[in-house]
């Protein structure tokens, strides 16, 4: 990588997943944990989620994206990557991209997390079956 290449770094979060995203001018490659997107996320829905911010601003082939993601499952990691890419795009060109990404809701961190287990119950809300007799 040359010295004058600008790299935009951002962090995305979702559930238990944290994604560190580096966005640099390139040809549209997305590398996640040293693997291509198609190899790391084999599910088409998750690939679509990751590409959503790029499709919204029309920058699918303008940037090469490298991501380190850890924690959580496939859906949480895809959401964290989407959040990180959106935040990095705003750093790249705020006046052009921010309004679009904000209106689509990609800049808002999805704060939903798993509800805690309550005492006396099997899970957060599941109780044992009630028996009248």
Foldseek 3Di string as FASTA:
>chain_A
DDPPWDWFWFWFFFAFKIKIKIKTFFFQWEAEPNHTPCVVQVDPVLVCLLCVLCVQLVNRGGIYMYMYMDDDDSNRRSLGNQLGVLVSVCVVPVVRRVVRCVVVPSPDHPPDYAAAADPQAPGNPHHPDDDPD
